[in-house]
Amino acid sequence: FMACISSNEKTPRKIIRKVARLATRYNSKFFVLYVQTPRESSDRIPLASQRHLLNHFKLATELGGEIIQVQSPHITDAIVQALCIGRPALKYPSAILAMVHYRNMLEELAQLGIDLIILA
């Protein structure tokens, strides 16, 4: 199983816990993917977001998960390459643009014959 997380405060914790439970139930490994965009590069990310992200990584490793960090300006492209399970937390203005990228990602996964399971 794989979960895609952000530096958001609350949502990633829920996703990590759900994926950890699923992995335990199916006696399998799980991975946590974080796609670092140029907006969240190490010299630009706010300290609070850095703390949240480190706490998410710590939680995932404590629950037996493995962390994968990828740098990419295109989140959906990085997700497609890593095959992810998760749901982004979206605000309305950015939701419309994000949904276009999300639809493109789903179409690309379908062409590859990959099933996407979304946990909320």
N, C-alpha and C. Protein backbone atom coordinates (compact mmCIF):
# COMPACT_ATOMS: atom_id res chain seq x y z
N PHE A 1 0.84 -1.17 0.00
CA PHE A 1 0.00 0.00 0.00
C PHE A 1 0.88 1.23 0.00
N MET A 2 0.37 2.31 -0.61
CA MET A 2 1.11 3.55 -0.64
C MET A 2 0.16 4.71 -0.38
N ALA A 3 0.60 5.63 0.47
CA ALA A 3 -0.17 6.84 0.77
C ALA A 3 0.62 8.05 0.31
N CYS A 4 -0.08 9.01 -0.25
CA CYS A 4 0.55 10.26 -0.65
C CYS A 4 0.15 11.33 0.35
N ILE A 5 1.14 12.02 0.91
CA ILE A 5 0.83 13.01 1.94
C ILE A 5 1.37 14.39 1.53
N SER A 6 0.89 15.38 2.26
CA SER A 6 1.36 16.75 2.10
C SER A 6 1.91 17.21 3.45
N SER A 7 2.26 18.48 3.52
CA SER A 7 2.73 19.03 4.79
C SER A 7 1.58 19.59 5.61
N ASN A 8 0.35 19.34 5.18
CA ASN A 8 -0.84 19.74 5.92
C ASN A 8 -0.78 19.18 7.34
N GLU A 9 -1.43 19.84 8.27
CA GLU A 9 -1.32 19.43 9.67
C GLU A 9 -2.07 18.13 9.99
N LYS A 10 -3.34 18.00 9.60
CA LYS A 10 -4.16 16.89 10.09
C LYS A 10 -4.39 15.76 9.09
N THR A 11 -4.70 16.07 7.86
CA THR A 11 -5.10 15.05 6.89
C THR A 11 -4.07 13.92 6.73
N PRO A 12 -2.78 14.23 6.60
CA PRO A 12 -1.82 13.13 6.42
C PRO A 12 -1.80 12.12 7.57
N ARG A 13 -2.00 12.59 8.79
CA ARG A 13 -2.02 11.65 9.93
C ARG A 13 -3.13 10.62 9.75
N LYS A 14 -4.31 11.08 9.33
CA LYS A 14 -5.44 10.17 9.13
C LYS A 14 -5.13 9.17 8.02
N ILE A 15 -4.57 9.65 6.93
CA ILE A 15 -4.27 8.77 5.81
C ILE A 15 -3.20 7.74 6.19
N ILE A 16 -2.17 8.19 6.90
CA ILE A 16 -1.10 7.27 7.32
C ILE A 16 -1.67 6.18 8.21
N ARG A 17 -2.51 6.56 9.16
CA ARG A 17 -3.09 5.56 10.08
C ARG A 17 -3.99 4.57 9.33
N LYS A 18 -4.79 5.08 8.39
CA LYS A 18 -5.67 4.18 7.62
C LYS A 18 -4.86 3.20 6.78
N VAL A 19 -3.83 3.70 6.11
CA VAL A 19 -3.01 2.83 5.28
C VAL A 19 -2.25 1.82 6.14
N ALA A 20 -1.78 2.25 7.31
CA ALA A 20 -1.08 1.33 8.22
C ALA A 20 -2.02 0.21 8.67
N ARG A 21 -3.28 0.57 8.97
CA ARG A 21 -4.25 -0.46 9.37
C ARG A 21 -4.52 -1.43 8.22
N LEU A 22 -4.68 -0.90 7.01
CA LEU A 22 -4.90 -1.78 5.86
C LEU A 22 -3.71 -2.71 5.63
N ALA A 23 -2.52 -2.15 5.71
CA ALA A 23 -1.32 -2.97 5.51
C ALA A 23 -1.24 -4.06 6.56
N THR A 24 -1.57 -3.73 7.79
CA THR A 24 -1.55 -4.72 8.86
C THR A 24 -2.61 -5.80 8.60
N ARG A 25 -3.79 -5.37 8.20
CA ARG A 25 -4.88 -6.31 7.94
C ARG A 25 -4.51 -7.29 6.82
N TYR A 26 -3.82 -6.81 5.81
CA TYR A 26 -3.44 -7.66 4.68
C TYR A 26 -2.01 -8.18 4.78
N ASN A 27 -1.41 -7.99 5.96
CA ASN A 27 -0.06 -8.48 6.22
C ASN A 27 0.91 -8.06 5.11
N SER A 28 0.92 -6.75 4.82
CA SER A 28 1.80 -6.26 3.77
C SER A 28 2.50 -4.98 4.22
N LYS A 29 3.44 -4.54 3.40
CA LYS A 29 4.18 -3.31 3.68
C LYS A 29 3.36 -2.10 3.23
N PHE A 30 3.73 -0.94 3.77
CA PHE A 30 3.15 0.28 3.24
C PHE A 30 4.22 1.36 3.13
N PHE A 31 3.98 2.25 2.17
CA PHE A 31 4.92 3.33 1.87
C PHE A 31 4.17 4.65 1.96
N VAL A 32 4.89 5.69 2.32
CA VAL A 32 4.33 7.04 2.38
C VAL A 32 5.13 7.90 1.40
N LEU A 33 4.41 8.47 0.44
CA LEU A 33 5.04 9.30 -0.59
C LEU A 33 4.79 10.77 -0.29
N TYR A 34 5.85 11.55 -0.30
CA TYR A 34 5.75 13.01 -0.19
C TYR A 34 6.40 13.61 -1.42
N VAL A 35 5.64 14.39 -2.18
CA VAL A 35 6.16 15.06 -3.36
C VAL A 35 6.48 16.50 -2.98
N GLN A 36 7.76 16.82 -3.00
CA GLN A 36 8.19 18.17 -2.64
C GLN A 36 8.21 19.03 -3.90
N THR A 37 7.34 20.03 -3.93
CA THR A 37 7.28 20.96 -5.05
C THR A 37 8.27 22.10 -4.83
N PRO A 38 8.59 22.85 -5.85
CA PRO A 38 9.49 23.99 -5.66
C PRO A 38 8.97 24.98 -4.60
N ARG A 39 7.65 25.07 -4.46
CA ARG A 39 7.05 25.96 -3.45
C ARG A 39 7.38 25.51 -2.03
N GLU A 40 7.65 24.22 -1.86
CA GLU A 40 7.97 23.68 -0.54
C GLU A 40 9.41 23.21 -0.46
N SER A 41 10.29 23.82 -1.24
CA SER A 41 11.71 23.47 -1.15
C SER A 41 12.22 23.81 0.24
N SER A 42 13.34 23.22 0.61
CA SER A 42 13.85 23.36 1.98
C SER A 42 14.10 24.81 2.39
N ASP A 43 14.36 25.69 1.45
CA ASP A 43 14.60 27.08 1.80
C ASP A 43 13.34 27.94 1.76
N ARG A 44 12.20 27.36 1.32
CA ARG A 44 10.97 28.15 1.20
C ARG A 44 9.83 27.65 2.08
N ILE A 45 9.88 26.42 2.55
CA ILE A 45 8.78 25.85 3.32
C ILE A 45 8.73 26.48 4.73
N PRO A 46 7.55 26.88 5.20
CA PRO A 46 7.45 27.46 6.54
C PRO A 46 7.84 26.45 7.62
N LEU A 47 8.34 26.96 8.73
CA LEU A 47 8.78 26.09 9.83
C LEU A 47 7.65 25.19 10.33
N ALA A 48 6.44 25.72 10.45
CA ALA A 48 5.31 24.92 10.92
C ALA A 48 5.07 23.74 9.98
N SER A 49 5.14 23.98 8.69
CA SER A 49 4.94 22.90 7.71
C SER A 49 6.07 21.87 7.80
N GLN A 50 7.28 22.33 8.02
CA GLN A 50 8.41 21.41 8.20
C GLN A 50 8.17 20.50 9.40
N ARG A 51 7.70 21.10 10.50
CA ARG A 51 7.42 20.30 11.70
C ARG A 51 6.33 19.28 11.44
N HIS A 52 5.26 19.69 10.78
CA HIS A 52 4.17 18.76 10.47
C HIS A 52 4.69 17.60 9.62
N LEU A 53 5.47 17.93 8.62
CA LEU A 53 6.01 16.92 7.72
C LEU A 53 6.91 15.93 8.46
N LEU A 54 7.78 16.44 9.30
CA LEU A 54 8.66 15.56 10.09
C LEU A 54 7.84 14.67 11.02
N ASN A 55 6.79 15.22 11.63
CA ASN A 55 5.92 14.41 12.49
C ASN A 55 5.21 13.33 11.70
N HIS A 56 4.80 13.64 10.46
CA HIS A 56 4.16 12.62 9.62
C HIS A 56 5.15 11.49 9.30
N PHE A 57 6.38 11.87 8.96
CA PHE A 57 7.39 10.86 8.65
C PHE A 57 7.65 9.98 9.88
N LYS A 58 7.72 10.62 11.05
CA LYS A 58 7.97 9.88 12.29
C LYS A 58 6.83 8.89 12.55
N LEU A 59 5.59 9.36 12.41
CA LEU A 59 4.43 8.49 12.63
C LEU A 59 4.46 7.30 11.67
N ALA A 60 4.74 7.57 10.41
CA ALA A 60 4.77 6.49 9.42
C ALA A 60 5.82 5.45 9.76
N THR A 61 7.01 5.88 10.15
CA THR A 61 8.06 4.91 10.49
C THR A 61 7.74 4.17 11.78
N GLU A 62 7.12 4.85 12.74
CA GLU A 62 6.71 4.18 13.98
C GLU A 62 5.68 3.09 13.71
N LEU A 63 4.83 3.31 12.70
CA LEU A 63 3.80 2.33 12.36
C LEU A 63 4.31 1.27 11.38
N GLY A 64 5.59 1.35 11.03
CA GLY A 64 6.20 0.33 10.17
C GLY A 64 6.27 0.69 8.70
N GLY A 65 5.98 1.92 8.36
CA GLY A 65 6.00 2.34 6.96
C GLY A 65 7.37 2.81 6.51
N GLU A 66 7.50 2.92 5.22
CA GLU A 66 8.74 3.39 4.62
C GLU A 66 8.44 4.70 3.89
N ILE A 67 9.32 5.70 4.05
CA ILE A 67 9.12 7.03 3.49
C ILE A 67 9.78 7.13 2.11
N ILE A 68 9.05 7.71 1.16
CA ILE A 68 9.59 8.00 -0.16
C ILE A 68 9.40 9.50 -0.40
N GLN A 69 10.50 10.22 -0.62
CA GLN A 69 10.44 11.65 -0.92
C GLN A 69 10.87 11.87 -2.36
N VAL A 70 10.06 12.61 -3.10
CA VAL A 70 10.33 12.90 -4.49
C VAL A 70 10.22 14.41 -4.70
N GLN A 71 11.14 14.96 -5.47
CA GLN A 71 11.06 16.37 -5.83
C GLN A 71 10.52 16.48 -7.25
N SER A 72 9.44 17.25 -7.40
CA SER A 72 8.83 17.41 -8.72
C SER A 72 7.94 18.64 -8.71
N PRO A 73 7.92 19.38 -9.82
CA PRO A 73 7.00 20.51 -9.90
C PRO A 73 5.57 20.05 -10.21
N HIS A 74 5.41 18.80 -10.63
CA HIS A 74 4.10 18.27 -11.00
C HIS A 74 3.74 17.10 -10.07
N ILE A 75 2.88 17.37 -9.12
CA ILE A 75 2.52 16.37 -8.10
C ILE A 75 1.87 15.15 -8.75
N THR A 76 0.91 15.38 -9.63
CA THR A 76 0.19 14.24 -10.21
C THR A 76 1.11 13.34 -11.03
N ASP A 77 2.07 13.93 -11.74
CA ASP A 77 3.02 13.12 -12.49
C ASP A 77 3.86 12.25 -11.55
N ALA A 78 4.29 12.83 -10.43
CA ALA A 78 5.08 12.07 -9.46
C ALA A 78 4.25 10.97 -8.82
N ILE A 79 2.97 11.24 -8.59
CA ILE A 79 2.08 10.23 -8.00
C ILE A 79 1.89 9.07 -8.98
N VAL A 80 1.66 9.40 -10.23
CA VAL A 80 1.48 8.34 -11.24
C VAL A 80 2.71 7.45 -11.28
N GLN A 81 3.88 8.05 -11.22
CA GLN A 81 5.11 7.27 -11.25
C GLN A 81 5.25 6.38 -10.02
N ALA A 82 4.77 6.84 -8.89
CA ALA A 82 4.93 6.08 -7.65
C ALA A 82 3.71 5.23 -7.30
N LEU A 83 2.59 5.41 -7.99
CA LEU A 83 1.34 4.67 -7.72
C LEU A 83 0.88 4.87 -6.29
N CYS A 84 0.02 5.83 -6.10
CA CYS A 84 -0.34 6.30 -4.76
C CYS A 84 -1.79 6.03 -4.40
N ILE A 85 -2.02 5.94 -3.08
CA ILE A 85 -3.35 5.89 -2.50
C ILE A 85 -3.47 7.10 -1.61
N GLY A 86 -4.55 7.86 -1.73
CA GLY A 86 -4.74 9.03 -0.87
C GLY A 86 -5.69 10.02 -1.49
N ARG A 87 -5.97 11.08 -0.77
CA ARG A 87 -6.85 12.13 -1.26
C ARG A 87 -6.30 13.46 -0.78
N PRO A 88 -6.05 14.40 -1.70
CA PRO A 88 -5.52 15.68 -1.26
C PRO A 88 -6.58 16.53 -0.59
N ALA A 89 -6.18 17.37 0.34
CA ALA A 89 -7.08 18.34 0.95
C ALA A 89 -7.07 19.58 0.07
N LEU A 90 -8.22 19.92 -0.52
CA LEU A 90 -8.27 21.01 -1.49
C LEU A 90 -9.15 22.15 -1.00
N LYS A 91 -8.77 23.36 -1.31
CA LYS A 91 -9.58 24.55 -1.08
C LYS A 91 -10.29 24.87 -2.40
N TYR A 92 -11.44 25.52 -2.34
CA TYR A 92 -12.26 25.73 -3.53
C TYR A 92 -11.54 26.36 -4.71
N PRO A 93 -10.85 27.51 -4.55
CA PRO A 93 -10.23 28.12 -5.74
C PRO A 93 -9.23 27.20 -6.44
N SER A 94 -8.46 26.47 -5.69
CA SER A 94 -7.47 25.59 -6.32
C SER A 94 -8.07 24.24 -6.68
N ALA A 95 -9.26 23.95 -6.17
CA ALA A 95 -9.88 22.65 -6.41
C ALA A 95 -10.20 22.42 -7.88
N ILE A 96 -10.65 23.47 -8.56
CA ILE A 96 -11.01 23.31 -9.97
C ILE A 96 -9.78 22.93 -10.79
N LEU A 97 -8.69 23.65 -10.60
CA LEU A 97 -7.46 23.33 -11.33
C LEU A 97 -6.94 21.96 -10.91
N ALA A 98 -6.99 21.67 -9.63
CA ALA A 98 -6.50 20.38 -9.13
C ALA A 98 -7.33 19.23 -9.69
N MET A 99 -8.63 19.44 -9.86
CA MET A 99 -9.49 18.38 -10.38
C MET A 99 -9.12 18.05 -11.84
N VAL A 100 -8.71 19.05 -12.60
CA VAL A 100 -8.27 18.79 -13.97
C VAL A 100 -7.03 17.90 -13.94
N HIS A 101 -6.07 18.23 -13.07
CA HIS A 101 -4.86 17.41 -12.94
C HIS A 101 -5.22 16.01 -12.42
N TYR A 102 -6.16 15.96 -11.48
CA TYR A 102 -6.58 14.69 -10.90
C TYR A 102 -7.23 13.81 -11.97
N ARG A 103 -8.10 14.41 -12.79
CA ARG A 103 -8.75 13.64 -13.86
C ARG A 103 -7.71 13.11 -14.85
N ASN A 104 -6.72 13.94 -15.18
CA ASN A 104 -5.65 13.49 -16.08
C ASN A 104 -4.88 12.32 -15.47
N MET A 105 -4.62 12.41 -14.17
CA MET A 105 -3.91 11.33 -13.49
C MET A 105 -4.73 10.04 -13.55
N LEU A 106 -6.05 10.14 -13.29
CA LEU A 106 -6.91 8.95 -13.33
C LEU A 106 -6.94 8.34 -14.73
N GLU A 107 -7.01 9.17 -15.75
CA GLU A 107 -7.01 8.66 -17.12
C GLU A 107 -5.69 7.97 -17.45
N GLU A 108 -4.59 8.54 -17.00
CA GLU A 108 -3.28 7.93 -17.26
C GLU A 108 -3.15 6.59 -16.53
N LEU A 109 -3.63 6.54 -15.28
CA LEU A 109 -3.60 5.28 -14.53
C LEU A 109 -4.47 4.23 -15.21
N ALA A 110 -5.64 4.63 -15.70
CA ALA A 110 -6.53 3.69 -16.38
C ALA A 110 -5.87 3.12 -17.63
N GLN A 111 -5.17 3.95 -18.38
CA GLN A 111 -4.47 3.48 -19.58
C GLN A 111 -3.38 2.48 -19.23
N LEU A 112 -2.78 2.65 -18.04
CA LEU A 112 -1.74 1.73 -17.60
C LEU A 112 -2.32 0.47 -16.95
N GLY A 113 -3.65 0.44 -16.77
CA GLY A 113 -4.29 -0.72 -16.15
C GLY A 113 -4.07 -0.79 -14.65
N ILE A 114 -3.96 0.37 -14.00
CA ILE A 114 -3.69 0.43 -12.56
C ILE A 114 -4.94 0.86 -11.82
N ASP A 115 -5.29 0.16 -10.76
CA ASP A 115 -6.43 0.51 -9.92
C ASP A 115 -5.98 1.50 -8.88
N LEU A 116 -6.81 2.52 -8.65
CA LEU A 116 -6.53 3.54 -7.64
C LEU A 116 -7.59 3.44 -6.57
N ILE A 117 -7.17 3.27 -5.33
CA ILE A 117 -8.08 3.20 -4.20
C ILE A 117 -7.91 4.47 -3.41
N ILE A 118 -9.00 5.20 -3.17
CA ILE A 118 -8.91 6.47 -2.47
C ILE A 118 -9.42 6.30 -1.05
N LEU A 119 -8.59 6.72 -0.10
CA LEU A 119 -8.97 6.71 1.31
C LEU A 119 -9.25 8.12 1.73
N ALA A 120 -10.35 8.33 2.44
CA ALA A 120 -10.68 9.68 2.90
C ALA A 120 -10.79 9.71 4.39
